[in-house]
Amino acid sequence: MTDAQPPYAAHQGPYGGVPDHPPLQGGAPVPAGLQIGARLLEALIVGIAASVLALLALVPFIVAIVQVSSAGQPAGVGDDGQAGALFAAVTTTALVILLAWLLIALVFVWWLASRGKSIGTAIFGLRLVSTSDGQPIGWGKALLWYAVVIIGSALTGGILGLLFLLSPLFDNESGWNQAWQDKMVGAVLINHRMGRDTFAR
């Protein structure tokens, strides 16, 4: 008589099955190439959106320059007013860009914290979940995840960001192709279209 097989027995998980990480039983690991592709696509989409946003935010500045140029006043006449208009336009542009980026960052963190998703991972049916319970990682870890990736990349001229991107290629132990930032918060990417979705809504 053979022992009954548990649900999703066809894929016990690369961590050695149920004993190591029961919440991930049946979850499908994501190949390193797919992880990198999802992040690159996400960077492309965000880059295009950021470019459009920057152009829109420049509208007040461009309008102010046109108004100053069309005033046609002699040099020295109304310089203070022109300088004030340009300063206001620059300040408005900077505030619009800053507020927009803060809003985008808030949405990104919320989505990762509550759904384990980002733009790139959502397109390919991937989800970042905790190894402890199979659920999204929550606000604290999501903030840490983004802070380390963004700040680390900014401080190293993009070098650390590139290493974070390629880091799933370096994981030869977990079986989940974990990126460094995922290991840091105790999480893995799963493909919920190919295996069980551990996210309990």
C-alpha atoms as a PDB file:
ATOM      1  CA  MET A   1       0.000   0.000   0.000  1.00  0.00           C
ATOM      2  CA  THR A   2       1.469   3.323  -1.010  1.00  0.00           C
ATOM      3  CA  ASP A   3       1.266   6.466   1.058  1.00  0.00           C
ATOM      4  CA  ALA A   4      -1.253   9.054  -0.024  1.00  0.00           C
ATOM      5  CA  GLN A   5       0.345  11.956  -1.838  1.00  0.00           C
ATOM      6  CA  PRO A   6      -0.297  15.472  -0.538  1.00  0.00           C
ATOM      7  CA  PRO A   7      -1.836  18.132  -2.777  1.00  0.00           C
ATOM      8  CA  TYR A   8       0.532  19.493  -5.418  1.00  0.00           C
ATOM      9  CA  ALA A   9       2.832  16.548  -4.874  1.00  0.00           C
ATOM     10  CA  ALA A  10       4.102  16.858  -8.446  1.00  0.00           C
ATOM     11  CA  HIS A  11       6.095  19.851  -7.310  1.00  0.00           C
ATOM     12  CA  GLN A  12       7.226  19.629  -3.714  1.00  0.00           C
ATOM     13  CA  GLY A  13       9.355  22.749  -3.958  1.00  0.00           C
ATOM     14  CA  PRO A  14      13.082  23.238  -4.377  1.00  0.00           C
ATOM     15  CA  TYR A  15      13.616  23.814  -0.673  1.00  0.00           C
ATOM     16  CA  GLY A  16      13.311  20.083  -0.114  1.00  0.00           C
ATOM     17  CA  GLY A  17       9.556  19.923   0.025  1.00  0.00           C
ATOM     18  CA  VAL A  18       7.087  20.420   2.809  1.00  0.00           C
ATOM     19  CA  PRO A  19       9.406  20.059   5.842  1.00  0.00           C
ATOM     20  CA  ASP A  20      11.430  23.183   4.965  1.00  0.00           C
ATOM     21  CA  HIS A  21       8.776  25.604   3.720  1.00  0.00           C
ATOM     22  CA  PRO A  22       5.264  24.157   3.921  1.00  0.00           C
ATOM     23  CA  PRO A  23       3.533  27.391   2.799  1.00  0.00           C
ATOM     24  CA  LEU A  24       5.351  27.206  -0.538  1.00  0.00           C
ATOM     25  CA  GLN A  25       4.277  23.661  -1.353  1.00  0.00           C
ATOM     26  CA  GLY A  26       3.122  23.514  -4.959  1.00  0.00           C
ATOM     27  CA  GLY A  27       4.589  26.899  -5.805  1.00  0.00           C
ATOM     28  CA  ALA A  28       6.464  27.129  -9.104  1.00  0.00           C
ATOM     29  CA  PRO A  29       9.935  28.743  -8.992  1.00  0.00           C
ATOM     30  CA  VAL A  30      10.686  31.459 -11.542  1.00  0.00           C
ATOM     31  CA  PRO A  31      13.710  30.986 -13.830  1.00  0.00           C
ATOM     32  CA  ALA A  32      16.393  33.632 -13.411  1.00  0.00           C
ATOM     33  CA  GLY A  33      16.009  34.733 -17.038  1.00  0.00           C
ATOM     34  CA  LEU A  34      12.293  35.382 -16.607  1.00  0.00           C
ATOM     35  CA  GLN A  35      12.914  37.360 -13.419  1.00  0.00           C
ATOM     36  CA  ILE A  36      15.488  39.533 -15.187  1.00  0.00           C
ATOM     37  CA  GLY A  37      13.217  39.980 -18.205  1.00  0.00           C
ATOM     38  CA  ALA A  38      10.303  41.046 -16.009  1.00  0.00           C
ATOM     39  CA  ARG A  39      12.454  43.626 -14.213  1.00  0.00           C
ATOM     40  CA  LEU A  40      13.874  44.983 -17.480  1.00  0.00           C
ATOM     41  CA  LEU A  41      10.397  45.346 -18.975  1.00  0.00           C
ATOM     42  CA  GLU A  42       9.282  47.107 -15.811  1.00  0.00           C
ATOM     43  CA  ALA A  43      12.237  49.502 -16.008  1.00  0.00           C
ATOM     44  CA  LEU A  44      11.364  50.271 -19.631  1.00  0.00           C
ATOM     45  CA  ILE A  45       7.718  50.992 -18.819  1.00  0.00           C
ATOM     46  CA  VAL A  46       8.603  53.147 -15.801  1.00  0.00           C
ATOM     47  CA  GLY A  47      11.250  54.974 -17.840  1.00  0.00           C
ATOM     48  CA  ILE A  48       8.762  55.849 -20.582  1.00  0.00           C
ATOM     49  CA  ALA A  49       6.183  56.955 -18.013  1.00  0.00           C
ATOM     50  CA  ALA A  50       8.801  59.061 -16.225  1.00  0.00           C
ATOM     51  CA  SER A  51       9.785  60.749 -19.485  1.00  0.00           C
ATOM     52  CA  VAL A  52       6.180  61.658 -20.264  1.00  0.00           C
ATOM     53  CA  LEU A  53       5.717  62.903 -16.703  1.00  0.00           C
ATOM     54  CA  ALA A  54       8.851  65.050 -16.938  1.00  0.00           C
ATOM     55  CA  LEU A  55       7.658  66.603 -20.192  1.00  0.00           C
ATOM     56  CA  LEU A  56       4.257  67.399 -18.714  1.00  0.00           C
ATOM     57  CA  ALA A  57       5.853  68.851 -15.590  1.00  0.00           C
ATOM     58  CA  LEU A  58       7.953  71.183 -17.751  1.00  0.00           C
ATOM     59  CA  VAL A  59       4.848  72.872 -19.146  1.00  0.00           C
ATOM     60  CA  PRO A  60       4.713  75.622 -16.456  1.00  0.00           C
ATOM     61  CA  PHE A  61       8.419  76.347 -17.009  1.00  0.00           C
ATOM     62  CA  ILE A  62       8.013  76.565 -20.789  1.00  0.00           C
ATOM     63  CA  VAL A  63       4.955  78.811 -20.438  1.00  0.00           C
ATOM     64  CA  ALA A  64       6.897  81.138 -18.121  1.00  0.00           C
ATOM     65  CA  ILE A  65       9.800  81.374 -20.575  1.00  0.00           C
ATOM     66  CA  VAL A  66       7.436  82.175 -23.441  1.00  0.00           C
ATOM     67  CA  GLN A  67       5.709  84.866 -21.396  1.00  0.00           C
ATOM     68  CA  VAL A  68       9.008  86.441 -20.391  1.00  0.00           C
ATOM     69  CA  SER A  69      10.291  86.328 -23.971  1.00  0.00           C
ATOM     70  CA  SER A  70       7.137  87.857 -25.394  1.00  0.00           C
ATOM     71  CA  ALA A  71       7.154  90.708 -22.877  1.00  0.00           C
ATOM     72  CA  GLY A  72       9.745  92.516 -24.990  1.00  0.00           C
ATOM     73  CA  GLN A  73      10.856  94.838 -22.189  1.00  0.00           C
ATOM     74  CA  PRO A  74      14.239  96.589 -22.346  1.00  0.00           C
ATOM     75  CA  ALA A  75      17.053  95.126 -20.282  1.00  0.00           C
ATOM     76  CA  GLY A  76      16.763  96.065 -16.647  1.00  0.00           C
ATOM     77  CA  VAL A  77      13.030  96.762 -16.844  1.00  0.00           C
ATOM     78  CA  GLY A  78      10.911  94.223 -15.004  1.00  0.00           C
ATOM     79  CA  ASP A  79      13.872  91.915 -14.377  1.00  0.00           C
ATOM     80  CA  ASP A  80      12.688  91.153 -10.841  1.00  0.00           C
ATOM     81  CA  GLY A  81       9.271  90.152 -12.084  1.00  0.00           C
ATOM     82  CA  GLN A  82      10.717  87.965 -14.800  1.00  0.00           C
ATOM     83  CA  ALA A  83      13.093  86.303 -12.380  1.00  0.00           C
ATOM     84  CA  GLY A  84      10.226  85.719  -9.973  1.00  0.00           C
ATOM     85  CA  ALA A  85       8.105  84.153 -12.708  1.00  0.00           C
ATOM     86  CA  LEU A  86      10.928  81.849 -13.758  1.00  0.00           C
ATOM     87  CA  PHE A  87      11.645  80.890 -10.152  1.00  0.00           C
ATOM     88  CA  ALA A  88       7.977  80.095  -9.556  1.00  0.00           C
ATOM     89  CA  ALA A  89       7.870  78.005 -12.718  1.00  0.00           C
ATOM     90  CA  VAL A  90      10.995  76.049 -11.740  1.00  0.00           C
ATOM     91  CA  THR A  91       9.664  75.497  -8.218  1.00  0.00           C
ATOM     92  CA  THR A  92       6.286  74.348  -9.534  1.00  0.00           C
ATOM     93  CA  THR A  93       7.951  71.946 -11.957  1.00  0.00           C
ATOM     94  CA  ALA A  94      10.162  70.477  -9.230  1.00  0.00           C
ATOM     95  CA  LEU A  95       7.216  70.061  -6.836  1.00  0.00           C
ATOM     96  CA  VAL A  96       5.072  68.383  -9.488  1.00  0.00           C
ATOM     97  CA  ILE A  97       7.839  65.923 -10.340  1.00  0.00           C
ATOM     98  CA  LEU A  98       8.562  65.222  -6.650  1.00  0.00           C
ATOM     99  CA  LEU A  99       4.916  64.674  -5.739  1.00  0.00           C
ATOM    100  CA  ALA A 100       4.371  62.463  -8.777  1.00  0.00           C
ATOM    101  CA  TRP A 101       7.361  60.294  -7.905  1.00  0.00           C
ATOM    102  CA  LEU A 102       6.236  60.030  -4.279  1.00  0.00           C
ATOM    103  CA  LEU A 103       2.798  58.920  -5.444  1.00  0.00           C
ATOM    104  CA  ILE A 104       4.289  56.374  -7.834  1.00  0.00           C
ATOM    105  CA  ALA A 105       6.587  55.052  -5.087  1.00  0.00           C
ATOM    106  CA  LEU A 106       3.650  54.764  -2.689  1.00  0.00           C
ATOM    107  CA  VAL A 107       1.628  52.775  -5.232  1.00  0.00           C
ATOM    108  CA  PHE A 108       4.594  50.507  -5.973  1.00  0.00           C
ATOM    109  CA  VAL A 109       5.224  49.798  -2.273  1.00  0.00           C
ATOM    110  CA  TRP A 110       1.518  49.218  -1.600  1.00  0.00           C
ATOM    111  CA  TRP A 111       1.234  46.781  -4.508  1.00  0.00           C
ATOM    112  CA  LEU A 112       4.323  44.841  -3.441  1.00  0.00           C
ATOM    113  CA  ALA A 113       3.327  44.870   0.232  1.00  0.00           C
ATOM    114  CA  SER A 114      -0.278  43.776  -0.229  1.00  0.00           C
ATOM    115  CA  ARG A 115      -0.215  41.746  -3.466  1.00  0.00           C
ATOM    116  CA  GLY A 116       3.432  40.815  -4.012  1.00  0.00           C
ATOM    117  CA  LYS A 117       3.300  42.486  -7.420  1.00  0.00           C
ATOM    118  CA  SER A 118       4.993  45.126  -9.508  1.00  0.00           C
ATOM    119  CA  ILE A 119       4.403  46.086 -13.135  1.00  0.00           C
ATOM    120  CA  GLY A 120       6.855  43.575 -14.591  1.00  0.00           C
ATOM    121  CA  THR A 121       5.949  40.681 -12.314  1.00  0.00           C
ATOM    122  CA  ALA A 122       2.210  41.229 -12.846  1.00  0.00           C
ATOM    123  CA  ILE A 123       2.597  40.988 -16.629  1.00  0.00           C
ATOM    124  CA  PHE A 124       4.242  37.566 -16.363  1.00  0.00           C
ATOM    125  CA  GLY A 125       2.075  36.205 -13.554  1.00  0.00           C
ATOM    126  CA  LEU A 126       4.756  36.343 -10.869  1.00  0.00           C
ATOM    127  CA  ARG A 127       4.302  37.124  -7.184  1.00  0.00           C
ATOM    128  CA  LEU A 128       6.805  37.873  -4.412  1.00  0.00           C
ATOM    129  CA  VAL A 129       5.815  35.962  -1.279  1.00  0.00           C
ATOM    130  CA  SER A 130       7.340  35.318   2.117  1.00  0.00           C
ATOM    131  CA  THR A 131       8.998  31.951   2.693  1.00  0.00           C
ATOM    132  CA  SER A 132       7.424  31.848   6.163  1.00  0.00           C
ATOM    133  CA  ASP A 133       3.757  31.985   5.198  1.00  0.00           C
ATOM    134  CA  GLY A 134       3.482  32.232   1.408  1.00  0.00           C
ATOM    135  CA  GLN A 135       1.847  35.659   1.666  1.00  0.00           C
ATOM    136  CA  PRO A 136       2.988  39.095   0.407  1.00  0.00           C
ATOM    137  CA  ILE A 137       5.763  40.588   2.526  1.00  0.00           C
ATOM    138  CA  GLY A 138       3.915  43.545   4.087  1.00  0.00           C
ATOM    139  CA  TRP A 139       4.710  47.251   4.318  1.00  0.00           C
ATOM    140  CA  GLY A 140       7.894  47.120   6.396  1.00  0.00           C
ATOM    141  CA  LYS A 141       9.725  44.640   4.206  1.00  0.00           C
ATOM    142  CA  ALA A 142       8.358  46.192   1.007  1.00  0.00           C
ATOM    143  CA  LEU A 143       9.754  49.587   2.038  1.00  0.00           C
ATOM    144  CA  LEU A 144      13.089  47.964   2.880  1.00  0.00           C
ATOM    145  CA  TRP A 145      13.109  46.097  -0.457  1.00  0.00           C
ATOM    146  CA  TYR A 146      12.599  49.265  -2.488  1.00  0.00           C
ATOM    147  CA  ALA A 147      14.885  51.417  -0.327  1.00  0.00           C
ATOM    148  CA  VAL A 148      17.825  49.045  -0.677  1.00  0.00           C
ATOM    149  CA  VAL A 149      17.381  48.645  -4.433  1.00  0.00           C
ATOM    150  CA  ILE A 150      16.775  52.317  -5.272  1.00  0.00           C
ATOM    151  CA  ILE A 151      19.174  53.942  -2.795  1.00  0.00           C
ATOM    152  CA  GLY A 152      21.871  51.331  -3.372  1.00  0.00           C
ATOM    153  CA  SER A 153      21.626  51.842  -7.107  1.00  0.00           C
ATOM    154  CA  ALA A 154      21.684  55.636  -6.775  1.00  0.00           C
ATOM    155  CA  LEU A 155      24.734  55.641  -4.486  1.00  0.00           C
ATOM    156  CA  THR A 156      26.748  53.378  -6.795  1.00  0.00           C
ATOM    157  CA  GLY A 157      25.849  54.953 -10.113  1.00  0.00           C
ATOM    158  CA  GLY A 158      23.595  52.034 -11.033  1.00  0.00           C
ATOM    159  CA  ILE A 159      26.206  49.325 -10.397  1.00  0.00           C
ATOM    160  CA  LEU A 160      24.439  47.849  -7.382  1.00  0.00           C
ATOM    161  CA  GLY A 161      21.124  48.071  -9.208  1.00  0.00           C
ATOM    162  CA  LEU A 162      22.596  46.011 -12.045  1.00  0.00           C
ATOM    163  CA  LEU A 163      23.915  43.432  -9.568  1.00  0.00           C
ATOM    164  CA  PHE A 164      20.500  43.246  -7.885  1.00  0.00           C
ATOM    165  CA  LEU A 165      18.956  42.683 -11.316  1.00  0.00           C
ATOM    166  CA  LEU A 166      21.362  39.868 -12.207  1.00  0.00           C
ATOM    167  CA  SER A 167      21.559  38.317  -8.736  1.00  0.00           C
ATOM    168  CA  PRO A 168      19.016  35.523  -9.449  1.00  0.00           C
ATOM    169  CA  LEU A 169      21.724  34.053 -11.703  1.00  0.00           C
ATOM    170  CA  PHE A 170      24.027  33.661  -8.693  1.00  0.00           C
ATOM    171  CA  ASP A 171      21.670  31.623  -6.490  1.00  0.00           C
ATOM    172  CA  ASN A 172      22.789  28.002  -6.587  1.00  0.00           C
ATOM    173  CA  GLU A 173      21.484  26.973  -3.171  1.00  0.00           C
ATOM    174  CA  SER A 174      17.828  27.786  -2.560  1.00  0.00           C
ATOM    175  CA  GLY A 175      16.404  26.352  -5.770  1.00  0.00           C
ATOM    176  CA  TRP A 176      14.176  29.424  -6.143  1.00  0.00           C
ATOM    177  CA  ASN A 177      16.665  31.638  -8.027  1.00  0.00           C
ATOM    178  CA  GLN A 178      16.404  34.208  -5.254  1.00  0.00           C
ATOM    179  CA  ALA A 179      17.567  37.731  -5.939  1.00  0.00           C
ATOM    180  CA  TRP A 180      19.672  39.320  -3.208  1.00  0.00           C
ATOM    181  CA  GLN A 181      16.930  41.787  -2.294  1.00  0.00           C
ATOM    182  CA  ASP A 182      14.450  38.901  -2.020  1.00  0.00           C
ATOM    183  CA  LYS A 183      16.769  36.956   0.292  1.00  0.00           C
ATOM    184  CA  MET A 184      17.163  40.065   2.416  1.00  0.00           C
ATOM    185  CA  VAL A 185      13.427  40.138   3.194  1.00  0.00           C
ATOM    186  CA  GLY A 186      12.977  36.355   3.300  1.00  0.00           C
ATOM    187  CA  ALA A 187      10.925  36.082   0.116  1.00  0.00           C
ATOM    188  CA  VAL A 188      10.819  34.259  -3.220  1.00  0.00           C
ATOM    189  CA  LEU A 189       9.165  34.864  -6.557  1.00  0.00           C
ATOM    190  CA  ILE A 190       6.604  32.279  -7.581  1.00  0.00           C
ATOM    191  CA  ASN A 191       4.864  31.825 -10.922  1.00  0.00           C
ATOM    192  CA  HIS A 192       1.209  31.522  -9.964  1.00  0.00           C
ATOM    193  CA  ARG A 193       0.209  30.693 -13.545  1.00  0.00           C
ATOM    194  CA  MET A 194       2.414  27.594 -13.568  1.00  0.00           C
ATOM    195  CA  GLY A 195       1.934  26.448  -9.986  1.00  0.00           C
ATOM    196  CA  ARG A 196      -0.096  27.068  -6.861  1.00  0.00           C
ATOM    197  CA  ASP A 197      -0.734  30.665  -5.865  1.00  0.00           C
ATOM    198  CA  THR A 198       0.073  30.745  -2.136  1.00  0.00           C
ATOM    199  CA  PHE A 199      -1.567  34.161  -1.721  1.00  0.00           C
ATOM    200  CA  ALA A 200      -4.700  33.876   0.406  1.00  0.00           C
ATOM    201  CA  ARG A 201      -6.984  36.838  -0.284  1.00  0.00           C
END
